C-alpha atoms as a PDB file:
ATOM      1  CA  MET A   1     102.887 175.883  91.994  1.00  0.00           C
ATOM      2  CA  SER A   2     100.106 175.600  89.432  1.00  0.00           C
ATOM      3  CA  ASN A   3      97.112 177.895  89.520  1.00  0.00           C
ATOM      4  CA  PRO A   4      94.294 176.004  91.325  1.00  0.00           C
ATOM      5  CA  VAL A   5      91.627 177.512  89.064  1.00  0.00           C
ATOM      6  CA  VAL A   6      93.490 176.426  85.949  1.00  0.00           C
ATOM      7  CA  ALA A   7      94.078 172.975  87.470  1.00  0.00           C
ATOM      8  CA  PHE A   8      90.361 172.640  88.286  1.00  0.00           C
ATOM      9  CA  LEU A   9      89.317 173.716  84.801  1.00  0.00           C
ATOM     10  CA  ALA A  10      91.793 171.305  83.249  1.00  0.00           C
ATOM     11  CA  GLY A  11      90.543 168.387  85.371  1.00  0.00           C
ATOM     12  CA  THR A  12      86.923 169.265  84.661  1.00  0.00           C
ATOM     13  CA  GLY A  13      87.707 169.485  80.964  1.00  0.00           C
ATOM     14  CA  VAL A  14      89.168 165.985  81.017  1.00  0.00           C
ATOM     15  CA  LEU A  15      86.084 164.737  82.877  1.00  0.00           C
ATOM     16  CA  PHE A  16      83.708 166.358  80.384  1.00  0.00           C
ATOM     17  CA  GLY A  17      85.731 165.093  77.420  1.00  0.00           C
ATOM     18  CA  TYR A  18      85.739 161.573  78.831  1.00  0.00           C
ATOM     19  CA  TYR A  19      81.970 161.577  79.312  1.00  0.00           C
ATOM     20  CA  LEU A  20      81.310 163.061  75.896  1.00  0.00           C
ATOM     21  CA  LEU A  21      83.469 160.449  74.190  1.00  0.00           C
ATOM     22  CA  MET A  22      83.215 157.268  76.252  1.00  0.00           C
ATOM     23  CA  VAL A  23      79.768 157.601  77.847  1.00  0.00           C
ATOM     24  CA  GLY A  24      78.146 159.491  74.993  1.00  0.00           C
ATOM     25  CA  LEU A  25      79.694 158.944  71.590  1.00  0.00           C
ATOM     26  CA  VAL A  26      81.121 155.401  71.772  1.00  0.00           C
ATOM     27  CA  PRO A  27      77.916 153.608  72.908  1.00  0.00           C
ATOM     28  CA  VAL A  28      75.838 155.673  70.456  1.00  0.00           C
ATOM     29  CA  LEU A  29      78.103 154.671  67.563  1.00  0.00           C
ATOM     30  CA  LEU A  30      78.012 151.033  68.633  1.00  0.00           C
ATOM     31  CA  LEU A  31      74.212 151.050  68.711  1.00  0.00           C
ATOM     32  CA  SER A  32      73.926 152.914  65.423  1.00  0.00           C
ATOM     33  CA  LEU A  33      76.580 151.110  63.396  1.00  0.00           C
ATOM     34  CA  THR A  34      76.613 147.577  64.793  1.00  0.00           C
ATOM     35  CA  SER A  35      74.172 144.914  65.889  1.00  0.00           C
ATOM     36  CA  ILE A  36      75.329 145.078  69.515  1.00  0.00           C
ATOM     37  CA  PRO A  37      72.522 144.101  71.925  1.00  0.00           C
ATOM     38  CA  ARG A  38      70.938 147.093  73.630  1.00  0.00           C
ATOM     39  CA  GLU A  39      71.586 145.708  77.111  1.00  0.00           C
ATOM     40  CA  LEU A  40      75.280 145.263  76.361  1.00  0.00           C
ATOM     41  CA  ALA A  41      75.500 148.870  75.166  1.00  0.00           C
ATOM     42  CA  ARG A  42      73.651 149.983  78.303  1.00  0.00           C
ATOM     43  CA  LYS A  43      76.088 148.150  80.557  1.00  0.00           C
ATOM     44  CA  LEU A  44      79.002 149.627  78.637  1.00  0.00           C
ATOM     45  CA  HIS A  45      77.623 152.986  79.753  1.00  0.00           C
ATOM     46  CA  HIS A  46      77.873 151.765  83.349  1.00  0.00           C
ATOM     47  CA  VAL A  47      81.424 150.488  82.896  1.00  0.00           C
ATOM     48  CA  PHE A  48      82.515 153.809  81.397  1.00  0.00           C
ATOM     49  CA  TYR A  49      80.728 155.624  84.225  1.00  0.00           C
ATOM     50  CA  GLY A  50      82.669 153.546  86.716  1.00  0.00           C
ATOM     51  CA  PHE A  51      86.105 154.269  85.307  1.00  0.00           C
ATOM     52  CA  SER A  52      85.474 158.011  85.589  1.00  0.00           C
ATOM     53  CA  ILE A  53      86.045 157.678  89.345  1.00  0.00           C
ATOM     54  CA  PHE A  54      89.772 157.558  88.582  1.00  0.00           C
ATOM     55  CA  ILE A  55      89.579 160.924  86.823  1.00  0.00           C
ATOM     56  CA  LEU A  56      87.969 162.403  89.933  1.00  0.00           C
ATOM     57  CA  LEU A  57      90.578 160.784  92.183  1.00  0.00           C
ATOM     58  CA  GLU A  58      93.649 161.643  90.140  1.00  0.00           C
ATOM     59  CA  GLY A  59      92.636 164.786  88.279  1.00  0.00           C
ATOM     60  CA  PHE A  60      92.041 167.066  91.262  1.00  0.00           C
ATOM     61  CA  GLY A  61      94.193 168.129  94.175  1.00  0.00           C
ATOM     62  CA  THR A  62      91.423 168.050  96.805  1.00  0.00           C
ATOM     63  CA  TRP A  63      88.255 166.095  97.368  1.00  0.00           C
ATOM     64  CA  TYR A  64      86.017 169.149  97.301  1.00  0.00           C
ATOM     65  CA  LEU A  65      87.272 170.191  93.862  1.00  0.00           C
ATOM     66  CA  ALA A  66      86.555 166.674  92.614  1.00  0.00           C
ATOM     67  CA  VAL A  67      83.059 166.909  94.106  1.00  0.00           C
ATOM     68  CA  LEU A  68      82.602 170.315  92.499  1.00  0.00           C
ATOM     69  CA  ALA A  69      83.572 168.852  89.124  1.00  0.00           C
ATOM     70  CA  ALA A  70      81.007 166.068  89.535  1.00  0.00           C
ATOM     71  CA  GLY A  71      78.372 168.646  90.443  1.00  0.00           C
ATOM     72  CA  THR A  72      79.318 170.794  87.449  1.00  0.00           C
ATOM     73  CA  LEU A  73      78.812 167.800  85.184  1.00  0.00           C
ATOM     74  CA  ILE A  74      75.278 167.360  86.545  1.00  0.00           C
ATOM     75  CA  VAL A  75      74.434 171.037  86.099  1.00  0.00           C
ATOM     76  CA  VAL A  76      75.617 171.065  82.484  1.00  0.00           C
ATOM     77  CA  ALA A  77      74.546 167.596  81.323  1.00  0.00           C
ATOM     78  CA  TYR A  78      71.100 167.432  82.917  1.00  0.00           C
ATOM     79  CA  PRO A  79      69.377 170.104  80.784  1.00  0.00           C
ATOM     80  CA  VAL A  80      71.203 168.903  77.658  1.00  0.00           C
ATOM     81  CA  LEU A  81      69.879 165.372  78.172  1.00  0.00           C
ATOM     82  CA  ARG A  82      66.371 166.729  78.829  1.00  0.00           C
ATOM     83  CA  VAL A  83      66.456 168.335  75.401  1.00  0.00           C
ATOM     84  CA  LEU A  84      67.912 165.281  73.685  1.00  0.00           C
ATOM     85  CA  GLU A  85      65.265 162.995  75.185  1.00  0.00           C
ATOM     86  CA  ARG A  86      62.611 164.810  73.141  1.00  0.00           C
ATOM     87  CA  GLN A  87      64.399 164.214  69.851  1.00  0.00           C
ATOM     88  CA  PRO A  88      63.211 161.376  67.572  1.00  0.00           C
ATOM     89  CA  PHE A  89      66.679 159.835  67.269  1.00  0.00           C
ATOM     90  CA  PHE A  90      67.176 159.471  71.021  1.00  0.00           C
ATOM     91  CA  GLU A  91      65.182 156.253  71.461  1.00  0.00           C
ATOM     92  CA  GLY A  92      67.246 154.314  68.949  1.00  0.00           C
ATOM     93  CA  SER A  93      70.631 155.893  69.592  1.00  0.00           C
ATOM     94  CA  PHE A  94      71.000 156.011  73.383  1.00  0.00           C
ATOM     95  CA  ALA A  95      71.191 152.893  75.546  1.00  0.00           C
ATOM     96  CA  HIS A  96      68.574 153.709  78.160  1.00  0.00           C
ATOM     97  CA  ARG A  97      65.938 151.348  79.502  1.00  0.00           C
ATOM     98  CA  LYS A  98      63.535 150.656  76.662  1.00  0.00           C
ATOM     99  CA  GLY A  99      60.570 153.013  76.814  1.00  0.00           C
ATOM    100  CA  ASP A 100      62.147 155.140  79.543  1.00  0.00           C
ATOM    101  CA  PRO A 101      64.285 157.882  77.959  1.00  0.00           C
ATOM    102  CA  GLY A 102      64.721 159.590  81.345  1.00  0.00           C
ATOM    103  CA  ASP A 103      66.668 156.568  82.603  1.00  0.00           C
ATOM    104  CA  PHE A 104      69.895 157.805  80.996  1.00  0.00           C
ATOM    105  CA  ARG A 105      69.614 161.200  82.681  1.00  0.00           C
ATOM    106  CA  ARG A 106      68.696 159.771  86.087  1.00  0.00           C
ATOM    107  CA  GLN A 107      71.590 157.321  86.021  1.00  0.00           C
ATOM    108  CA  MET A 108      73.987 160.163  85.284  1.00  0.00           C
ATOM    109  CA  VAL A 109      72.713 162.059  88.316  1.00  0.00           C
ATOM    110  CA  HIS A 110      72.794 158.987  90.567  1.00  0.00           C
ATOM    111  CA  VAL A 111      76.348 158.146  89.534  1.00  0.00           C
ATOM    112  CA  GLN A 112      77.723 161.644  90.114  1.00  0.00           C
ATOM    113  CA  LEU A 113      75.972 162.095  93.460  1.00  0.00           C
ATOM    114  CA  THR A 114      77.198 158.688  94.623  1.00  0.00           C
ATOM    115  CA  PHE A 115      80.748 159.454  93.524  1.00  0.00           C
ATOM    116  CA  ALA A 116      80.596 162.838  95.260  1.00  0.00           C
ATOM    117  CA  LEU A 117      79.421 161.247  98.511  1.00  0.00           C
ATOM    118  CA  LEU A 118      82.103 158.552  98.333  1.00  0.00           C
ATOM    119  CA  LEU A 119      84.810 161.152  97.749  1.00  0.00           C
ATOM    120  CA  ALA A 120      83.585 163.245 100.662  1.00  0.00           C
ATOM    121  CA  LEU A 121      83.479 160.255 103.028  1.00  0.00           C
ATOM    122  CA  THR A 122      86.702 158.490 102.019  1.00  0.00           C
ATOM    123  CA  TRP A 123      89.002 161.232 100.782  1.00  0.00           C
ATOM    124  CA  GLY A 124      87.413 164.025 102.820  1.00  0.00           C
ATOM    125  CA  VAL A 125      86.526 162.446 106.175  1.00  0.00           C
ATOM    126  CA  LEU A 126      88.999 159.561 106.399  1.00  0.00           C
ATOM    127  CA  GLY A 127      91.845 161.314 104.601  1.00  0.00           C
ATOM    128  CA  PRO A 128      93.541 161.163 101.185  1.00  0.00           C
ATOM    129  CA  GLU A 129      95.299 157.906 102.047  1.00  0.00           C
ATOM    130  CA  PHE A 130      91.885 156.216 102.049  1.00  0.00           C
ATOM    131  CA  ARG A 131      90.563 157.526  98.753  1.00  0.00           C
ATOM    132  CA  TYR A 132      91.328 154.184  97.106  1.00  0.00           C
ATOM    133  CA  LEU A 133      88.291 152.854  98.987  1.00  0.00           C
ATOM    134  CA  ALA A 134      86.065 154.922  96.711  1.00  0.00           C
ATOM    135  CA  ALA A 135      87.653 153.317  93.660  1.00  0.00           C
ATOM    136  CA  ALA A 136      87.301 149.780  95.034  1.00  0.00           C
ATOM    137  CA  ALA A 137      83.652 150.353  95.969  1.00  0.00           C
ATOM    138  CA  VAL A 138      82.833 151.774  92.544  1.00  0.00           C
ATOM    139  CA  MET A 139      84.608 148.924  90.752  1.00  0.00           C
ATOM    140  CA  ALA A 140      82.528 146.422  92.745  1.00  0.00           C
ATOM    141  CA  TRP A 141      79.403 148.016  91.280  1.00  0.00           C
ATOM    142  CA  THR A 142      80.879 148.652  87.825  1.00  0.00           C
ATOM    143  CA  PHE A 143      81.836 145.095  86.983  1.00  0.00           C
ATOM    144  CA  GLY A 144      79.537 143.262  89.369  1.00  0.00           C
ATOM    145  CA  ASP A 145      76.351 144.914  88.156  1.00  0.00           C
ATOM    146  CA  ALA A 146      77.319 144.518  84.494  1.00  0.00           C
ATOM    147  CA  ALA A 147      78.078 140.823  84.993  1.00  0.00           C
ATOM    148  CA  ALA A 148      74.844 140.233  86.905  1.00  0.00           C
ATOM    149  CA  ALA A 149      72.751 141.767  84.127  1.00  0.00           C
ATOM    150  CA  LEU A 150      74.536 140.259  81.138  1.00  0.00           C
ATOM    151  CA  PHE A 151      75.154 136.758  82.474  1.00  0.00           C
ATOM    152  CA  GLY A 152      71.769 136.692  84.186  1.00  0.00           C
ATOM    153  CA  LYS A 153      69.955 137.474  80.943  1.00  0.00           C
ATOM    154  CA  ALA A 154      72.104 135.114  78.876  1.00  0.00           C
ATOM    155  CA  PHE A 155      72.302 132.123  81.197  1.00  0.00           C
ATOM    156  CA  GLY A 156      69.904 132.756  84.070  1.00  0.00           C
ATOM    157  CA  LYS A 157      67.427 129.905  84.492  1.00  0.00           C
ATOM    158  CA  ASN A 158      66.928 129.744  88.252  1.00  0.00           C
ATOM    159  CA  ARG A 159      65.111 132.776  89.569  1.00  0.00           C
ATOM    160  CA  ILE A 160      65.672 133.920  93.138  1.00  0.00           C
ATOM    161  CA  GLU A 161      62.351 133.568  94.911  1.00  0.00           C
ATOM    162  CA  HIS A 162      62.310 135.995  97.804  1.00  0.00           C
ATOM    163  CA  GLN A 163      59.991 138.869  98.663  1.00  0.00           C
ATOM    164  CA  LEU A 164      62.893 141.315  99.069  1.00  0.00           C
ATOM    165  CA  VAL A 165      64.578 140.420  95.778  1.00  0.00           C
ATOM    166  CA  ASP A 166      63.692 142.218  92.569  1.00  0.00           C
ATOM    167  CA  GLU A 167      61.715 140.134  90.109  1.00  0.00           C
ATOM    168  CA  GLY A 168      63.932 138.712  87.388  1.00  0.00           C
ATOM    169  CA  LYS A 169      67.066 138.216  89.491  1.00  0.00           C
ATOM    170  CA  THR A 170      68.648 134.809  88.990  1.00  0.00           C
ATOM    171  CA  HIS A 171      71.145 132.701  90.886  1.00  0.00           C
ATOM    172  CA  GLU A 172      73.359 132.616  87.800  1.00  0.00           C
ATOM    173  CA  GLY A 173      73.387 136.407  87.540  1.00  0.00           C
ATOM    174  CA  SER A 174      74.149 136.830  91.222  1.00  0.00           C
ATOM    175  CA  ALA A 175      76.952 134.266  91.089  1.00  0.00           C
ATOM    176  CA  SER A 176      78.457 136.154  88.157  1.00  0.00           C
ATOM    177  CA  MET A 177      78.272 139.413  90.078  1.00  0.00           C
ATOM    178  CA  THR A 178      80.033 137.885  93.065  1.00  0.00           C
ATOM    179  CA  ALA A 179      82.858 136.546  90.891  1.00  0.00           C
ATOM    180  CA  PHE A 180      83.386 139.772  88.929  1.00  0.00           C
ATOM    181  CA  ALA A 181      83.039 141.989  91.997  1.00  0.00           C
ATOM    182  CA  PHE A 182      85.621 139.852  93.801  1.00  0.00           C
ATOM    183  CA  VAL A 183      88.169 140.275  91.010  1.00  0.00           C
ATOM    184  CA  ALA A 184      87.433 144.011  90.677  1.00  0.00           C
ATOM    185  CA  ILE A 185      87.759 144.687  94.409  1.00  0.00           C
ATOM    186  CA  PHE A 186      90.870 142.540  94.768  1.00  0.00           C
ATOM    187  CA  LEU A 187      92.724 144.156  91.868  1.00  0.00           C
ATOM    188  CA  THR A 188      91.732 147.702  92.822  1.00  0.00           C
ATOM    189  CA  LEU A 189      92.787 147.307  96.451  1.00  0.00           C
ATOM    190  CA  TRP A 190      96.032 145.580  95.547  1.00  0.00           C
ATOM    191  CA  LEU A 191      97.175 147.474  92.449  1.00  0.00           C
ATOM    192  CA  TYR A 192      95.653 150.900  93.050  1.00  0.00           C
ATOM    193  CA  GLY A 193      95.341 151.026  96.831  1.00  0.00           C
ATOM    194  CA  GLY A 194      98.626 149.319  97.661  1.00  0.00           C
ATOM    195  CA  VAL A 195      96.893 146.948 100.077  1.00  0.00           C
ATOM    196  CA  PRO A 196      98.790 143.668 100.595  1.00  0.00           C
ATOM    197  CA  TRP A 197      97.548 140.946  98.283  1.00  0.00           C
ATOM    198  CA  TRP A 198      96.363 138.711 101.097  1.00  0.00           C
ATOM    199  CA  ALA A 199      94.345 141.493 102.747  1.00  0.00           C
ATOM    200  CA  SER A 200      92.941 142.502  99.352  1.00  0.00           C
ATOM    201  CA  GLY A 201      91.848 138.909  98.804  1.00  0.00           C
ATOM    202  CA  VAL A 202      90.197 138.558 102.203  1.00  0.00           C
ATOM    203  CA  ALA A 203      88.410 141.896 101.840  1.00  0.00           C
ATOM    204  CA  ALA A 204      87.186 140.996  98.350  1.00  0.00           C
ATOM    205  CA  LEU A 205      86.036 137.590  99.562  1.00  0.00           C
ATOM    206  CA  VAL A 206      83.842 139.230 102.216  1.00  0.00           C
ATOM    207  CA  VAL A 207      82.609 142.313 100.373  1.00  0.00           C
ATOM    208  CA  ALA A 208      81.843 140.772  96.948  1.00  0.00           C
ATOM    209  CA  PRO A 209      78.943 138.590  98.199  1.00  0.00           C
ATOM    210  CA  LEU A 210      77.740 141.494 100.361  1.00  0.00           C
ATOM    211  CA  ALA A 211      77.621 143.732  97.280  1.00  0.00           C
ATOM    212  CA  THR A 212      75.734 140.993  95.440  1.00  0.00           C
ATOM    213  CA  GLY A 213      73.149 140.756  98.195  1.00  0.00           C
ATOM    214  CA  ILE A 214      72.660 144.522  98.229  1.00  0.00           C
ATOM    215  CA  GLU A 215      72.272 144.579  94.438  1.00  0.00           C
ATOM    216  CA  ALA A 216      69.649 141.848  94.615  1.00  0.00           C
ATOM    217  CA  ILE A 217      67.409 143.725  97.050  1.00  0.00           C
ATOM    218  CA  SER A 218      67.885 147.200  95.553  1.00  0.00           C
ATOM    219  CA  PRO A 219      64.908 148.395  93.472  1.00  0.00           C
ATOM    220  CA  ALA A 220      65.664 148.916  89.787  1.00  0.00           C
ATOM    221  CA  GLY A 221      68.363 151.518  89.280  1.00  0.00           C
ATOM    222  CA  THR A 222      69.125 152.199  92.943  1.00  0.00           C
ATOM    223  CA  ASP A 223      72.017 149.712  93.053  1.00  0.00           C
ATOM    224  CA  THR A 224      74.044 152.517  91.456  1.00  0.00           C
ATOM    225  CA  VAL A 225      73.871 154.169  94.881  1.00  0.00           C
ATOM    226  CA  THR A 226      73.532 151.286  97.314  1.00  0.00           C
ATOM    227  CA  VAL A 227      76.267 148.928  96.104  1.00  0.00           C
ATOM    228  CA  PRO A 228      79.187 151.420  96.138  1.00  0.00           C
ATOM    229  CA  LEU A 229      78.159 152.992  99.448  1.00  0.00           C
ATOM    230  CA  VAL A 230      77.664 149.697 101.266  1.00  0.00           C
ATOM    231  CA  SER A 231      80.877 148.291  99.773  1.00  0.00           C
ATOM    232  CA  ALA A 232      82.896 151.284 100.972  1.00  0.00           C
ATOM    233  CA  ALA A 233      81.256 151.128 104.405  1.00  0.00           C
ATOM    234  CA  ALA A 234      82.252 147.473 104.723  1.00  0.00           C
ATOM    235  CA  LEU A 235      85.766 147.819 103.322  1.00  0.00           C
ATOM    236  CA  TYR A 236      87.019 150.419 105.783  1.00  0.00           C
ATOM    237  CA  PRO A 237      86.437 148.540 109.078  1.00  0.00           C
ATOM    238  CA  LEU A 238      87.366 145.225 107.487  1.00  0.00           C
ATOM    239  CA  LEU A 239      90.715 146.485 106.190  1.00  0.00           C
ATOM    240  CA  SER A 240      91.358 148.235 109.496  1.00  0.00           C
ATOM    241  CA  LEU A 241      90.765 144.939 111.299  1.00  0.00           C
ATOM    242  CA  LEU A 242      93.076 143.088 108.920  1.00  0.00           C
ATOM    243  CA  GLU A 243      95.779 145.723 109.428  1.00  0.00           C
ATOM    244  CA  TRP A 244      95.458 145.348 113.211  1.00  0.00           C
ATOM    245  CA  PHE A 245      95.621 141.578 112.870  1.00  0.00           C
ATOM    246  CA  ALA A 246      98.763 141.772 110.732  1.00  0.00           C
ATOM    247  CA  GLY A 247     100.384 144.062 113.313  1.00  0.00           C
ATOM    248  CA  ARG A 248      99.614 141.609 116.098  1.00  0.00           C
ATOM    249  CA  ALA A 249     100.814 138.533 114.213  1.00  0.00           C
END
């Protein structure tokens, strides 16, 4: 049996290495060396954030060690980013919201806290057999939010006029989010969670537009928290109902 301390340190090392390379270095190099649009680089950050959920799910033997690793990342990265934000090169090299260097640091905290809560609720409360729900919920946000922003800015012409919806949201962006979130949820449930394809499809069909609606009414930046949590909360009872239905059929 492997030493749990060594296993934790190894998993945390992989997590830190992943963030340093994929969330830190790759987007910085793209911004510095290419003419990639800033928003695309920023959404690449989000996509790389999202895929780190699989490191937390597969790199640790228990949910609380995965949560501890996420917390360790916050403790180490937060002060480092505070220092970097004050450096002249930060504005042009890091894909944060323009004029808001603290955005990068806040997103990192929001992502890790959201992941930690999802792991505690799915893997911890429901049991390890349900930890795939955390992955599906995160993938809904990862690809749905990126699609909403990129397609909305590129093709959005019809703004959503509603007092609860953030200014700038478009029907085209929301439609893109629904489509990408559907595919992300379906594939994650089916291929990673082992959920039957038909149940994965039904669940994705219901939860994708729900995630889109939550994203539309979430104030700037908070969809990082709201979309995964609401998606996970909807997936569990829905899949349980579908399982009951299949058993009765």
